[in-house]
Amino acid sequence: MGVGRGRAATNDVYVAVYRRAAATGWPYDFGDDPSFEASQKTQGRITWGVCRPDVRGRIKPGDLVIFIAVDPTLPARYQFVGYATVDQRVSREAIWREPQLGVYQEYRNLLVRRVPNGYVHDEPRHFGRRVWHQDWLHRIIDVGQRHCPDLLELQRQKFLPDGAKLAGQALRFGENYIIFRPHGEETHILIDPPTIAFADINHDHEQWSEDRFAQGLREVLIAPSPRDYLRTMSFRPHPYIRLSGIDVPAMRDRLQRLILSKRRSRSRGGIAVRSYPNRRRGC
């Protein structure tokens, strides 16, 4: 998006709800995507590579993603986990080809693993469970090849040979593996994510808490959007929210002020930032 003279650069902001793996403890994603656990273990960046292919296919460097965790079953609570700024988009092929991206080979959210003569569909167990996406290939190839008639057969084989073709053309990996910027001013994840809303079977949408932090966050994220809720009763209960043409630094400042106000309101402890590395590994 072009930047006019005297105007701040604008990007898009996405609000993404993910399903937490367990009702207790820190709200890691069910399939570690976003990769909060892997990034801590490897000292690499937070990445996003499986969920929300519709968002990952259009997101661009400088965009901001707000992550909110939700319990897997009703009644459910919603927790504000933090935000992350997009650094770059890469393909799975690049992760095995470029040495500076090698740290991500250890992540669980790649969907494939390099083997001799190709790639095999692979989703390591997380929290003792296997997260298996039958549409794994659809999620990682270039968007222009997702409707090729021979895609389903290749996908069922669970193996992608080198030189594979779709509709007579070489298969192209999409640049839809998202790497976020290092933790700091532009990426901020909380140690103790606050609960901001609840949902039950009696309401179509979540009910936001009345405290100042939750209402302030709702004003920042929900009020400007076409809808004023996170949850629907549809097949996909949490469609993403996109706020277009946003001054991202200003948005991050508003979120930081909310976080600081929440910290001050607590008599002890407060909201603290997770100890993610501030090193530019995997840049």
Protein backbone atom coordinates (compact mmCIF):
# COMPACT_ATOMS: atom_id res chain seq x y z
CA MET A 1 0.00 0.00 0.00
CA GLY A 2 1.44 3.36 -0.97
CA VAL A 3 2.38 5.96 1.59
CA GLY A 4 1.45 9.58 0.96
CA ARG A 5 3.56 12.50 2.07
CA GLY A 6 3.05 13.25 5.74
CA ARG A 7 1.03 10.10 6.34
CA ALA A 8 1.99 7.07 8.43
CA ALA A 9 2.56 3.77 6.68
CA THR A 10 -0.47 1.51 6.89
CA ASN A 11 -0.87 -2.24 6.99
CA ASP A 12 -3.56 -4.72 7.95
CA VAL A 13 -4.37 -6.05 11.40
CA TYR A 14 -5.80 -9.55 11.83
CA VAL A 15 -7.55 -10.91 14.91
CA ALA A 16 -7.09 -14.69 15.00
CA VAL A 17 -8.64 -17.02 17.57
CA TYR A 18 -6.95 -20.40 18.09
CA ARG A 19 -7.95 -23.44 20.13
CA ARG A 20 -5.80 -23.99 23.19
CA ALA A 21 -4.45 -27.48 23.84
CA ALA A 22 -5.40 -27.88 27.50
CA ALA A 23 -7.68 -26.18 30.01
CA THR A 24 -4.82 -25.62 32.45
CA GLY A 25 -1.39 -24.08 32.06
CA TRP A 26 -0.26 -21.58 29.46
CA PRO A 27 -2.55 -21.59 26.38
CA TYR A 28 -0.41 -23.31 23.77
CA ASP A 29 -2.18 -24.06 20.51
CA PHE A 30 -3.52 -27.58 19.97
CA GLY A 31 -1.04 -28.14 17.14
CA ASP A 32 1.57 -25.57 18.24
CA ASP A 33 0.52 -23.23 15.44
CA PRO A 34 1.31 -20.42 16.18
CA SER A 35 4.52 -22.05 17.35
CA PHE A 36 4.80 -20.64 20.87
CA GLU A 37 6.26 -23.82 22.34
CA ALA A 38 8.73 -24.60 19.53
CA SER A 39 10.08 -21.06 19.47
CA GLN A 40 10.88 -21.25 23.16
CA LYS A 41 12.62 -24.58 22.86
CA THR A 42 14.71 -23.67 19.83
CA GLN A 43 15.23 -19.95 20.48
CA GLY A 44 13.81 -19.28 17.03
CA ARG A 45 11.02 -16.96 15.99
CA ILE A 46 7.30 -17.49 16.39
CA THR A 47 5.88 -18.87 13.13
CA TRP A 48 2.49 -19.67 11.63
CA GLY A 49 2.21 -22.44 9.06
CA VAL A 50 -0.90 -24.62 9.31
CA CYS A 51 -4.00 -22.80 10.47
CA ARG A 52 -5.77 -19.96 8.68
CA PRO A 53 -4.44 -20.63 5.17
CA ASP A 54 -6.78 -17.90 3.93
CA VAL A 55 -4.97 -15.37 6.12
CA ARG A 56 -1.46 -16.76 5.57
CA GLY A 57 -1.96 -16.54 1.82
CA ARG A 58 -2.63 -12.80 1.87
CA ILE A 59 -0.73 -11.49 4.88
CA LYS A 60 2.33 -9.34 4.18
CA PRO A 61 5.40 -8.06 6.04
CA GLY A 62 4.49 -5.35 8.52
CA ASP A 63 0.98 -6.69 9.15
CA LEU A 64 -0.02 -7.33 12.74
CA VAL A 65 -1.71 -10.48 14.10
CA ILE A 66 -3.57 -10.41 17.42
CA PHE A 67 -3.74 -13.90 18.96
CA ILE A 68 -6.61 -14.91 21.23
CA ALA A 69 -6.85 -18.38 22.77
CA VAL A 70 -10.14 -20.14 23.42
CA ASP A 71 -10.99 -23.31 25.34
CA PRO A 72 -11.76 -26.29 23.07
CA THR A 73 -15.23 -26.94 24.49
CA LEU A 74 -18.12 -24.92 25.86
CA PRO A 75 -18.37 -23.20 28.25
CA ALA A 76 -15.21 -21.48 27.09
CA ARG A 77 -13.05 -18.56 28.08
CA TYR A 78 -11.14 -16.29 25.74
CA GLN A 79 -7.66 -15.07 26.64
CA PHE A 80 -5.65 -12.27 25.07
CA VAL A 81 -2.26 -13.88 24.33
CA GLY A 82 -0.52 -10.97 22.62
CA TYR A 83 0.45 -9.78 19.18
CA ALA A 84 3.09 -10.48 16.55
CA THR A 85 4.31 -8.45 13.56
CA VAL A 86 4.95 -10.26 10.28
CA ASP A 87 8.59 -10.28 9.18
CA GLN A 88 8.59 -12.51 6.12
CA ARG A 89 6.82 -15.27 4.20
CA VAL A 90 8.80 -18.31 3.07
CA SER A 91 8.10 -21.66 1.45
CA ARG A 92 8.65 -25.07 3.02
CA GLU A 93 11.21 -25.75 0.33
CA ALA A 94 13.23 -22.73 1.46
CA ILE A 95 13.33 -24.03 5.03
CA TRP A 96 15.33 -27.06 3.86
CA ARG A 97 17.33 -25.16 1.26
CA GLU A 98 18.47 -22.00 3.08
CA PRO A 99 20.80 -22.52 6.08
CA GLN A 100 19.56 -19.45 7.95
CA LEU A 101 16.08 -21.01 8.07
CA GLY A 102 17.30 -24.39 9.33
CA VAL A 103 16.06 -23.80 12.90
CA TYR A 104 12.48 -24.16 11.65
CA GLN A 105 13.07 -27.74 10.54
CA GLU A 106 12.52 -28.66 14.20
CA TYR A 107 9.10 -26.98 14.39
CA ARG A 108 5.88 -28.99 14.53
CA ASN A 109 3.90 -26.71 12.24
CA LEU A 110 5.59 -27.50 8.92
CA LEU A 111 3.21 -30.30 7.81
CA VAL A 112 6.05 -31.95 5.87
CA ARG A 113 9.52 -33.31 6.55
CA ARG A 114 12.34 -33.62 4.06
CA VAL A 115 13.36 -37.19 3.18
CA PRO A 116 15.48 -38.58 0.34
CA ASN A 117 13.84 -37.78 -3.00
CA GLY A 118 11.03 -35.66 -1.62
CA TYR A 119 8.84 -34.69 1.33
CA VAL A 120 6.62 -36.79 3.54
CA HIS A 121 3.50 -35.60 5.33
CA ASP A 122 4.48 -35.37 8.99
CA GLU A 123 2.73 -33.92 12.04
CA PRO A 124 4.56 -34.88 15.26
CA ARG A 125 2.50 -35.57 18.32
CA HIS A 126 1.73 -32.61 20.52
CA PHE A 127 0.56 -33.01 24.11
CA GLY A 128 0.35 -36.75 23.42
CA ARG A 129 -1.99 -36.38 20.46
CA ARG A 130 -1.47 -36.41 16.70
CA VAL A 131 -2.90 -33.51 14.75
CA TRP A 132 -3.46 -34.91 11.27
CA HIS A 133 -4.59 -32.66 8.40
CA GLN A 134 -5.85 -34.65 5.45
CA ASP A 135 -5.62 -31.48 3.34
CA TRP A 136 -1.94 -30.96 4.20
CA LEU A 137 -0.81 -30.39 0.60
CA HIS A 138 -3.60 -27.91 -0.07
CA ARG A 139 -2.29 -25.83 2.84
CA ILE A 140 1.30 -25.50 1.63
CA ILE A 141 1.25 -25.21 -2.16
CA ASP A 142 0.87 -22.08 -4.27
CA VAL A 143 -2.69 -20.78 -4.28
CA GLY A 144 -2.83 -21.03 -8.06
CA GLN A 145 -2.54 -24.84 -7.93
CA ARG A 146 -5.03 -25.59 -5.15
CA HIS A 147 -7.80 -26.53 -7.56
CA CYS A 148 -5.83 -28.82 -9.86
CA PRO A 149 -7.81 -32.04 -10.50
CA ASP A 150 -4.90 -34.34 -9.56
CA LEU A 151 -4.21 -32.61 -6.22
CA LEU A 152 -6.36 -34.97 -4.16
CA GLU A 153 -4.64 -38.10 -5.46
CA LEU A 154 -1.18 -36.68 -4.76
CA GLN A 155 -2.34 -35.58 -1.33
CA ARG A 156 -3.63 -39.08 -0.45
CA GLN A 157 -0.19 -40.57 -1.08
CA LYS A 158 1.27 -38.73 1.97
CA PHE A 159 4.48 -38.34 -0.04
CA LEU A 160 5.56 -35.56 -2.34
CA PRO A 161 8.35 -36.69 -4.68
CA ASP A 162 10.90 -34.26 -6.05
CA GLY A 163 9.72 -33.08 -9.45
CA ALA A 164 6.04 -33.68 -8.65
CA LYS A 165 3.60 -32.11 -11.09
CA LEU A 166 0.03 -30.85 -10.96
CA ALA A 167 -1.92 -30.52 -14.20
CA GLY A 168 1.33 -31.09 -16.09
CA GLN A 169 3.20 -28.26 -14.37
CA ALA A 170 5.84 -28.44 -11.66
CA LEU A 171 4.35 -28.25 -8.20
CA ARG A 172 5.02 -24.90 -6.56
CA PHE A 173 5.30 -24.44 -2.81
CA GLY A 174 3.48 -21.34 -1.63
CA GLU A 175 5.35 -18.68 0.32
CA ASN A 176 2.82 -19.02 3.12
CA TYR A 177 4.93 -20.05 6.10
CA ILE A 178 4.87 -16.90 8.21
CA ILE A 179 7.86 -15.83 10.31
CA PHE A 180 7.21 -13.07 12.82
CA ARG A 181 9.63 -10.45 14.06
CA PRO A 182 11.64 -11.08 17.25
CA HIS A 183 10.06 -10.53 20.60
CA GLY A 184 10.29 -6.92 21.69
CA GLU A 185 8.39 -3.81 20.64
CA GLU A 186 6.90 -5.46 17.55
CA THR A 187 6.04 -8.90 18.94
CA HIS A 188 4.72 -9.15 22.47
CA ILE A 189 3.48 -12.39 24.11
CA LEU A 190 2.24 -12.48 27.70
CA ILE A 191 3.24 -14.83 30.50
CA ASP A 192 -0.20 -14.63 32.08
CA PRO A 193 -2.76 -14.01 29.31
CA PRO A 194 -5.83 -12.31 30.83
CA THR A 195 -9.33 -13.67 30.32
CA ILE A 196 -11.35 -11.20 28.29
CA ALA A 197 -14.61 -13.01 27.42
CA PHE A 198 -16.68 -16.16 27.92
CA ALA A 199 -18.98 -18.26 25.73
CA ASP A 200 -21.67 -20.81 26.57
CA ILE A 201 -24.34 -22.79 24.75
CA ASN A 202 -27.03 -20.22 25.49
CA HIS A 203 -25.59 -17.42 23.35
CA ASP A 204 -24.58 -17.13 19.70
CA HIS A 205 -21.63 -14.90 20.58
CA GLU A 206 -19.14 -14.53 23.40
CA GLN A 207 -19.86 -12.27 26.35
CA TRP A 208 -17.06 -9.82 27.07
CA SER A 209 -15.92 -9.15 30.62
CA GLU A 210 -16.81 -5.79 32.08
CA ASP A 211 -13.35 -4.92 33.41
CA ARG A 212 -11.47 -1.96 31.95
CA PHE A 213 -8.85 -4.04 30.14
CA ALA A 214 -11.36 -6.30 28.35
CA GLN A 215 -13.58 -3.39 27.33
CA GLY A 216 -10.57 -1.38 26.18
CA LEU A 217 -9.35 -4.29 24.05
CA ARG A 218 -12.81 -4.77 22.59
CA GLU A 219 -12.92 -1.11 21.62
CA VAL A 220 -9.54 -1.39 19.88
CA LEU A 221 -10.09 -4.69 18.06
CA ILE A 222 -13.81 -5.30 17.68
CA ALA A 223 -15.48 -1.91 17.44
CA PRO A 224 -13.76 -0.94 14.12
CA SER A 225 -14.59 -4.29 12.47
CA PRO A 226 -17.72 -5.18 10.45
CA ARG A 227 -18.94 -7.34 13.33
CA ASP A 228 -18.81 -6.80 17.08
CA TYR A 229 -18.00 -10.33 18.22
CA LEU A 230 -15.43 -13.11 17.85
CA ARG A 231 -17.63 -16.20 17.93
CA THR A 232 -20.37 -17.30 15.55
CA MET A 233 -22.52 -20.42 15.55
CA SER A 234 -21.34 -21.41 12.08
CA PHE A 235 -19.29 -24.44 11.05
CA ARG A 236 -16.20 -22.27 11.57
CA PRO A 237 -17.01 -20.61 14.88
CA HIS A 238 -14.20 -18.04 14.81
CA PRO A 239 -13.74 -16.39 11.40
CA TYR A 240 -10.84 -14.01 11.43
CA ILE A 241 -11.30 -10.26 11.69
CA ARG A 242 -9.36 -8.03 9.31
CA LEU A 243 -8.84 -4.33 9.94
CA SER A 244 -7.52 -2.73 6.76
CA GLY A 245 -5.29 0.29 6.33
CA ILE A 246 -4.17 0.49 9.95
CA ASP A 247 -1.27 2.48 11.36
CA VAL A 248 0.34 -0.60 12.93
CA PRO A 249 2.84 1.21 15.21
CA ALA A 250 -0.06 3.25 16.62
CA MET A 251 -2.06 0.06 17.14
CA ARG A 252 0.85 -1.56 18.97
CA ASP A 253 1.16 1.53 21.16
CA ARG A 254 -2.51 1.32 22.10
CA LEU A 255 -2.16 -2.34 22.98
CA GLN A 256 0.95 -1.62 25.04
CA ARG A 257 -0.88 1.07 27.00
CA LEU A 258 -3.68 -1.38 27.75
CA ILE A 259 -1.19 -4.01 28.91
CA LEU A 260 0.60 -1.52 31.15
CA SER A 261 -2.67 -0.33 32.65
CA LYS A 262 -3.60 -3.94 33.43
CA ARG A 263 -0.22 -4.51 35.05
CA ARG A 264 -0.61 -1.44 37.25
CA SER A 265 -4.11 -2.49 38.31
CA ARG A 266 -2.83 -5.70 39.89
CA SER A 267 -1.49 -5.57 43.41
CA ARG A 268 1.14 -8.21 42.74
CA GLY A 269 2.74 -9.83 39.70
CA GLY A 270 0.71 -8.29 36.90
CA ILE A 271 0.97 -9.19 33.26
CA ALA A 272 4.50 -10.09 32.29
CA VAL A 273 6.05 -10.80 28.92
CA ARG A 274 7.05 -14.32 27.99
CA SER A 275 10.80 -14.81 27.82
CA TYR A 276 11.06 -15.23 24.07
CA PRO A 277 14.49 -14.63 22.55
CA ASN A 278 15.25 -11.25 21.08
CA ARG A 279 17.87 -12.73 18.79
CA ARG A 280 17.48 -12.54 15.02
CA ARG A 281 17.79 -16.25 14.39
CA GLY A 282 16.11 -17.53 11.29
CA CYS A 283 15.83 -14.03 9.81
